[in-house]
Amino acid sequence: MADSQPTDPALAEAIASLGRAIQTHPYNNIQEVNKPTTAQIIQLPRWPEPVRGAPNTLLRSAFFAAIHSKRRKELGLRIKPAEPKKGVIIAAQEGSFITYAGDQLNQYDADVFFEALHRARHHPLETECFFRGYDFLKAIGRPDGKREYEDLNNSLTRLRDGRVVINWKIGRDQYEFNGSLISSYEREINSKLYKVTFANKIHALFAPACWTQLEWEERMALKGKPLAQWLHGYFSSHASPFPVSAVFLHQKTGSARPLLKHFRSDLKEALKTLENFLGWKASWNDDLLTLERTPSGAQARHLARCANAAKAANKHRRQRQGRGQPASLNNLIAEQYIRTKARV
């Protein structure tokens, strides 16, 4: 049977007009407009249990100062009474620039921060990470007394309230972090259940070649010895560390010692601690300190890759020189890359 069609031209036009109106009406597309999109899930790297992930920019600076808690200062400059304090410059290794406003942070705060990151690495950032106070304090080598809970609460508050701006570069890549290390935290008084949240932007501190896996058992062996802990973090962050001077360490550790000669005494004791507890060997050449330590598995693999790349670059250079040709630009770039990456 043939489809019935309106015989009245006016009626046919009215029906066609109604169809066009329905197709172009906004409600016709409401399902597409409100269609949910899948949000990108951002997480920290999943390092193994025996280690703790730590950003190199913080390990190689005075951000977590090598001081005891009683020597803390309030950092920042208040330009106008009604405005927040402006950050002060924190001593950092070349290639990084850090400003910070808030209560000064030390190695105890570093313990809390690294352990909180460790707990959060299995959760998407911007979501709450839960942990019991007892388990957390045990993990950072502290008992679960009233004073220890107060110390933990105060540290989480400092990490939440302090404002930090970090700029750093790795090769040609430049990075920036601007904000608080911890976005928020809550504590249930009776159950001692903690809820900690990290912002998505904390992920920038864990870009490739920007962080280190700290051997946690080694760090906990140095608990209560802030200068030894700082040295452990600094030298652990380098696969093949260059010799450094006492003046350099005096600045970068954030030492409270105003005179270098007094810092040298502290440094000597800290190096002795590293040797007694970890077997690290210190040697001096004039005023330059070299520490001998066994690199981590990841660092050993990195050094092997650098060695193989250097061997290939040298072979390529000898071959070209043997033919009377200058070294290629790509080869020179490769050599520069090797020298840069050797510092990581």
Protein backbone atom coordinates (compact mmCIF):
# COMPACT_ATOMS: atom_id res chain seq x y z
CA MET A 1 0.00 0.00 0.00
CA ALA A 2 1.36 3.40 -0.91
CA ASP A 3 2.14 5.79 1.97
CA SER A 4 -0.63 8.30 2.52
CA GLN A 5 0.47 11.87 1.81
CA PRO A 6 -1.44 15.05 2.71
CA THR A 7 -3.33 16.29 -0.29
CA ASP A 8 -3.64 19.82 1.02
CA PRO A 9 -0.41 21.77 0.17
CA ALA A 10 -0.92 24.08 3.16
CA LEU A 11 -1.26 21.11 5.50
CA ALA A 12 1.86 19.45 4.03
CA GLU A 13 3.90 22.62 4.58
CA ALA A 14 2.67 22.92 8.15
CA ILE A 15 3.73 19.33 8.93
CA ALA A 16 7.15 19.86 7.32
CA SER A 17 7.63 23.09 9.30
CA LEU A 18 6.75 21.31 12.54
CA GLY A 19 9.32 18.61 11.77
CA ARG A 20 12.05 21.18 11.19
CA ALA A 21 11.16 22.94 14.45
CA ILE A 22 11.40 19.69 16.42
CA GLN A 23 14.80 18.86 14.93
CA THR A 24 16.28 22.27 15.73
CA HIS A 25 14.76 22.67 19.21
CA PRO A 26 17.43 22.77 22.00
CA TYR A 27 15.71 20.01 23.97
CA ASN A 28 16.33 17.65 21.09
CA ASN A 29 20.05 17.62 21.96
CA ILE A 30 19.80 17.69 25.74
CA GLN A 31 21.02 14.10 26.15
CA GLU A 32 24.17 14.84 24.14
CA VAL A 33 24.85 18.08 26.01
CA ASN A 34 24.55 16.44 29.42
CA LYS A 35 26.43 13.31 28.45
CA PRO A 36 29.02 12.74 31.18
CA THR A 37 32.67 12.74 30.22
CA THR A 38 35.27 10.50 31.81
CA ALA A 39 37.52 12.57 34.10
CA GLN A 40 41.23 11.96 33.91
CA ILE A 41 42.48 10.12 36.99
CA ILE A 42 45.79 11.48 38.24
CA GLN A 43 47.87 9.43 40.67
CA LEU A 44 51.35 9.47 42.08
CA PRO A 45 53.89 6.91 40.84
CA ARG A 46 53.45 3.56 42.61
CA TRP A 47 56.84 3.06 44.17
CA PRO A 48 57.44 -0.15 46.19
CA GLU A 49 56.71 -0.48 49.90
CA PRO A 50 60.29 -0.33 51.34
CA VAL A 51 60.91 3.15 49.87
CA ARG A 52 59.27 6.57 49.96
CA GLY A 53 58.93 8.88 46.97
CA ALA A 54 60.49 12.31 47.51
CA PRO A 55 60.78 15.29 45.11
CA ASN A 56 64.38 16.12 44.26
CA THR A 57 63.81 19.87 44.46
CA LEU A 58 62.95 19.51 48.14
CA LEU A 59 65.72 17.04 48.93
CA ARG A 60 68.31 19.37 47.37
CA SER A 61 67.29 22.53 49.19
CA ALA A 62 66.80 24.05 52.62
CA PHE A 63 63.03 23.61 52.33
CA PHE A 64 63.04 20.83 54.93
CA ALA A 65 65.80 22.38 57.00
CA ALA A 66 68.33 20.33 58.95
CA ILE A 67 67.27 21.85 62.28
CA HIS A 68 65.61 20.67 65.46
CA SER A 69 62.02 21.74 66.03
CA LYS A 70 62.86 24.23 68.76
CA ARG A 71 64.82 26.29 66.19
CA ARG A 72 61.89 26.83 63.83
CA LYS A 73 61.22 30.34 62.54
CA GLU A 74 58.22 31.98 60.93
CA LEU A 75 59.17 32.68 57.33
CA GLY A 76 57.67 35.29 55.04
CA LEU A 77 57.47 39.04 54.51
CA ARG A 78 54.31 40.98 55.30
CA ILE A 79 54.15 43.93 52.91
CA LYS A 80 50.67 45.11 53.96
CA PRO A 81 48.81 44.16 57.17
CA ALA A 82 45.71 42.94 55.32
CA GLU A 83 47.60 40.81 52.79
CA PRO A 84 49.16 37.35 53.19
CA LYS A 85 52.89 37.15 53.70
CA LYS A 86 55.14 37.05 50.66
CA GLY A 87 57.40 34.05 50.36
CA VAL A 88 61.10 34.30 51.13
CA ILE A 89 63.74 32.65 48.96
CA ILE A 90 64.82 29.19 50.13
CA ALA A 91 68.38 28.12 49.37
CA ALA A 92 68.26 25.50 46.60
CA GLN A 93 70.56 23.73 44.17
CA GLU A 94 71.19 25.38 40.83
CA GLY A 95 68.28 24.84 38.47
CA SER A 96 65.64 25.29 41.17
CA PHE A 97 64.05 28.42 42.64
CA ILE A 98 61.87 28.17 45.76
CA THR A 99 59.94 30.74 47.79
CA TYR A 100 58.00 29.88 50.93
CA ALA A 101 55.79 31.62 53.47
CA GLY A 102 54.74 29.89 56.68
CA ASP A 103 56.20 28.14 59.70
CA GLN A 104 59.62 26.76 58.87
CA LEU A 105 59.64 23.08 57.96
CA ASN A 106 62.30 20.62 59.09
CA GLN A 107 63.18 16.95 58.73
CA TYR A 108 60.31 15.85 60.98
CA ASP A 109 57.92 17.54 58.55
CA ALA A 110 59.72 15.75 55.73
CA ASP A 111 59.03 12.41 57.46
CA VAL A 112 55.33 13.29 57.74
CA PHE A 113 55.09 14.55 54.15
CA PHE A 114 56.88 11.56 52.61
CA GLU A 115 54.80 9.08 54.62
CA ALA A 116 51.53 10.85 53.74
CA LEU A 117 52.51 10.71 50.06
CA HIS A 118 53.27 7.03 50.49
CA ARG A 119 49.77 6.40 51.85
CA ALA A 120 48.18 8.46 49.08
CA ARG A 121 49.97 6.85 46.13
CA HIS A 122 47.25 4.20 45.72
CA HIS A 123 44.46 6.80 45.58
CA PRO A 124 43.58 9.32 42.87
CA LEU A 125 44.74 12.80 43.81
CA GLU A 126 41.99 15.19 44.97
CA THR A 127 40.41 12.31 46.93
CA GLU A 128 40.74 11.65 50.65
CA CYS A 129 43.42 9.26 51.86
CA PHE A 130 42.57 7.59 55.19
CA PHE A 131 44.98 6.29 57.81
CA ARG A 132 45.06 5.54 61.52
CA GLY A 133 47.25 7.75 63.65
CA TYR A 134 48.85 4.78 65.41
CA ASP A 135 49.95 3.15 62.13
CA PHE A 136 51.23 6.43 60.76
CA LEU A 137 53.28 7.28 63.84
CA LYS A 138 54.72 3.78 63.88
CA ALA A 139 55.76 4.15 60.23
CA ILE A 140 57.72 7.34 61.00
CA GLY A 141 59.36 5.76 64.04
CA ARG A 142 57.37 7.51 66.77
CA PRO A 143 55.31 6.16 69.69
CA ASP A 144 51.60 6.94 69.91
CA GLY A 145 51.60 9.19 72.95
CA LYS A 146 49.67 12.43 73.40
CA ARG A 147 52.71 14.55 72.55
CA GLU A 148 53.39 12.58 69.36
CA TYR A 149 49.80 13.13 68.17
CA GLU A 150 50.19 16.85 68.85
CA ASP A 151 53.43 16.88 66.85
CA LEU A 152 51.72 15.06 63.96
CA ASN A 153 48.75 17.45 63.98
CA ASN A 154 51.04 20.49 64.06
CA SER A 155 53.12 19.13 61.18
CA LEU A 156 50.08 18.45 59.00
CA THR A 157 48.88 21.96 59.78
CA ARG A 158 52.21 23.47 58.72
CA LEU A 159 52.20 21.46 55.49
CA ARG A 160 48.65 22.58 54.77
CA ASP A 161 49.02 26.26 55.67
CA GLY A 162 52.46 27.00 54.22
CA ARG A 163 52.53 28.49 50.70
CA VAL A 164 55.33 27.42 48.39
CA VAL A 165 56.29 28.27 44.83
CA ILE A 166 58.83 25.96 43.17
CA ASN A 167 60.34 26.43 39.73
CA TRP A 168 62.81 23.90 38.37
CA LYS A 169 64.13 22.51 35.13
CA ILE A 170 65.44 19.17 33.91
CA GLY A 171 67.30 19.58 30.66
CA ARG A 172 65.01 21.67 28.46
CA ASP A 173 61.86 20.87 30.45
CA GLN A 174 60.65 23.49 32.93
CA TYR A 175 58.20 22.88 35.77
CA GLU A 176 56.34 24.87 38.40
CA PHE A 177 54.43 24.03 41.56
CA ASN A 178 52.42 26.74 43.32
CA GLY A 179 50.34 26.02 46.41
CA SER A 180 50.38 24.00 49.63
CA LEU A 181 51.97 20.58 49.92
CA ILE A 182 48.79 19.24 51.56
CA SER A 183 45.39 20.52 50.42
CA SER A 184 43.44 19.54 53.53
CA TYR A 185 43.40 17.22 56.49
CA GLU A 186 40.90 16.17 59.12
CA ARG A 187 41.18 14.11 62.27
CA GLU A 188 38.46 12.22 64.08
CA ILE A 189 39.28 12.74 67.75
CA ASN A 190 37.95 9.48 69.17
CA SER A 191 38.98 7.04 66.44
CA LYS A 192 42.18 8.95 65.56
CA LEU A 193 41.34 8.44 61.91
CA TYR A 194 43.05 10.95 59.62
CA LYS A 195 41.84 12.13 56.21
CA VAL A 196 44.45 13.83 54.02
CA THR A 197 43.98 15.24 50.52
CA PHE A 198 46.61 16.21 47.95
CA ALA A 199 45.92 18.48 44.98
CA ASN A 200 46.39 17.19 41.43
CA LYS A 201 49.21 19.66 40.90
CA ILE A 202 51.41 17.82 43.44
CA HIS A 203 51.91 15.33 40.58
CA ALA A 204 54.25 17.84 38.89
CA LEU A 205 56.84 17.21 41.61
CA PHE A 206 56.96 13.57 40.44
CA ALA A 207 57.63 14.16 36.76
CA PRO A 208 60.28 11.85 35.21
CA ALA A 209 63.78 12.40 36.68
CA CYS A 210 62.29 14.77 39.28
CA TRP A 211 61.99 12.44 42.26
CA THR A 212 63.88 9.84 44.27
CA GLN A 213 63.01 6.57 45.98
CA LEU A 214 64.32 7.03 49.52
CA GLU A 215 65.30 3.90 51.42
CA TRP A 216 62.94 4.33 54.37
CA GLU A 217 64.68 1.94 56.75
CA GLU A 218 67.91 3.90 56.28
CA ARG A 219 66.17 7.21 56.91
CA MET A 220 64.43 5.92 60.04
CA ALA A 221 67.78 4.74 61.39
CA LEU A 222 68.81 8.43 61.36
CA LYS A 223 65.67 9.64 63.16
CA GLY A 224 66.35 12.57 65.48
CA LYS A 225 69.54 13.51 63.61
CA PRO A 226 68.32 16.17 61.17
CA LEU A 227 71.62 16.96 59.48
CA ALA A 228 72.34 13.27 58.86
CA GLN A 229 68.81 12.86 57.48
CA TRP A 230 69.25 15.84 55.17
CA LEU A 231 72.57 14.49 53.88
CA HIS A 232 70.97 11.09 53.33
CA GLY A 233 68.20 12.65 51.25
CA TYR A 234 70.52 14.90 49.27
CA PHE A 235 73.08 12.27 48.32
CA SER A 236 70.37 9.64 47.72
CA SER A 237 68.84 11.97 45.12
CA HIS A 238 71.98 11.73 42.95
CA ALA A 239 72.94 8.55 41.14
CA SER A 240 76.53 9.80 40.95
CA PRO A 241 76.85 12.87 43.19
CA PHE A 242 79.53 15.45 42.53
CA PRO A 243 81.85 16.60 45.33
CA VAL A 244 80.36 19.51 47.29
CA SER A 245 81.92 22.07 49.61
CA ALA A 246 81.16 22.73 53.25
CA VAL A 247 80.03 26.23 52.24
CA PHE A 248 77.52 24.72 49.80
CA LEU A 249 76.13 22.39 52.46
CA HIS A 250 76.02 25.18 55.05
CA GLN A 251 73.67 27.10 52.75
CA LYS A 252 71.55 24.29 51.34
CA THR A 253 70.88 22.49 54.62
CA GLY A 254 69.27 25.56 56.18
CA SER A 255 71.57 25.18 59.16
CA ALA A 256 70.86 27.42 62.14
CA ARG A 257 74.60 27.80 62.72
CA PRO A 258 75.61 31.35 61.75
CA LEU A 259 79.33 30.51 61.64
CA LEU A 260 80.78 28.03 59.16
CA LYS A 261 83.29 26.67 61.69
CA HIS A 262 80.46 25.55 63.98
CA PHE A 263 78.64 23.98 61.06
CA ARG A 264 81.78 22.04 60.18
CA SER A 265 81.65 20.42 63.62
CA ASP A 266 78.02 19.44 63.09
CA LEU A 267 78.87 18.12 59.62
CA LYS A 268 81.69 15.98 60.98
CA GLU A 269 79.31 14.37 63.50
CA ALA A 270 76.63 13.80 60.84
CA LEU A 271 79.12 12.13 58.50
CA LYS A 272 80.26 9.90 61.34
CA THR A 273 76.61 8.95 61.91
CA LEU A 274 76.17 8.04 58.24
CA GLU A 275 79.26 5.85 58.39
CA ASN A 276 78.26 4.12 61.62
CA PHE A 277 74.63 3.48 60.68
CA LEU A 278 74.76 3.07 56.89
CA GLY A 279 78.40 2.40 56.05
CA TRP A 280 78.73 5.51 53.88
CA LYS A 281 82.32 6.66 53.48
CA ALA A 282 83.21 10.35 53.45
CA SER A 283 86.45 11.74 52.03
CA TRP A 284 87.74 15.29 51.69
CA ASN A 285 89.87 16.88 49.00
CA ASP A 286 90.70 20.32 50.36
CA ASP A 287 87.18 21.64 51.08
CA LEU A 288 85.31 19.28 48.76
CA LEU A 289 83.34 16.40 50.27
CA THR A 290 82.74 13.12 48.43
CA LEU A 291 80.44 10.44 49.83
CA GLU A 292 80.75 6.85 48.69
CA ARG A 293 77.50 4.91 48.78
CA THR A 294 75.88 2.07 46.89
CA PRO A 295 73.38 3.46 44.37
CA SER A 296 69.84 2.14 44.38
CA GLY A 297 68.73 -0.37 41.77
CA ALA A 298 67.09 2.33 39.64
CA GLN A 299 70.16 4.54 39.92
CA ALA A 300 72.47 1.66 39.00
CA ARG A 301 70.42 1.03 35.85
CA HIS A 302 70.53 4.75 35.05
CA LEU A 303 74.32 4.81 35.41
CA ALA A 304 74.61 1.74 33.18
CA ARG A 305 72.53 3.44 30.48
CA CYS A 306 74.71 6.56 30.72
CA ALA A 307 77.88 4.46 30.49
CA ASN A 308 76.58 2.63 27.40
CA ALA A 309 75.55 5.92 25.78
CA ALA A 310 78.96 7.43 26.53
CA LYS A 311 80.71 4.38 25.07
CA ALA A 312 78.63 4.61 21.89
CA ALA A 313 79.28 8.36 21.60
CA ASN A 314 83.04 7.89 22.02
CA LYS A 315 83.09 5.12 19.43
CA HIS A 316 81.18 7.28 16.98
CA ARG A 317 83.54 10.21 17.56
CA ARG A 318 86.65 8.07 17.01
CA GLN A 319 85.22 6.68 13.79
CA ARG A 320 84.50 10.13 12.39
CA GLN A 321 87.86 11.50 13.49
CA GLY A 322 89.56 8.51 11.88
CA ARG A 323 87.95 9.50 8.59
CA GLY A 324 89.02 13.10 9.11
CA GLN A 325 85.47 14.30 9.74
CA PRO A 326 84.36 16.55 12.60
CA ALA A 327 82.04 15.18 15.24
CA SER A 328 78.40 15.55 14.24
CA LEU A 329 76.04 17.95 15.96
CA ASN A 330 73.88 15.04 17.12
CA ASN A 331 76.89 13.41 18.72
CA LEU A 332 77.79 16.61 20.59
CA ILE A 333 74.21 16.91 21.78
CA ALA A 334 74.31 13.31 22.98
CA GLU A 335 77.46 13.98 24.98
CA GLN A 336 75.88 17.05 26.58
CA TYR A 337 72.81 14.92 27.44
CA ILE A 338 75.02 12.35 29.13
CA ARG A 339 76.79 14.98 31.20
CA THR A 340 73.45 16.49 32.25
CA LYS A 341 71.78 13.22 33.15
CA ALA A 342 74.78 12.05 35.15
CA ARG A 343 73.82 14.63 37.77
CA VAL A 344 70.37 13.13 38.30
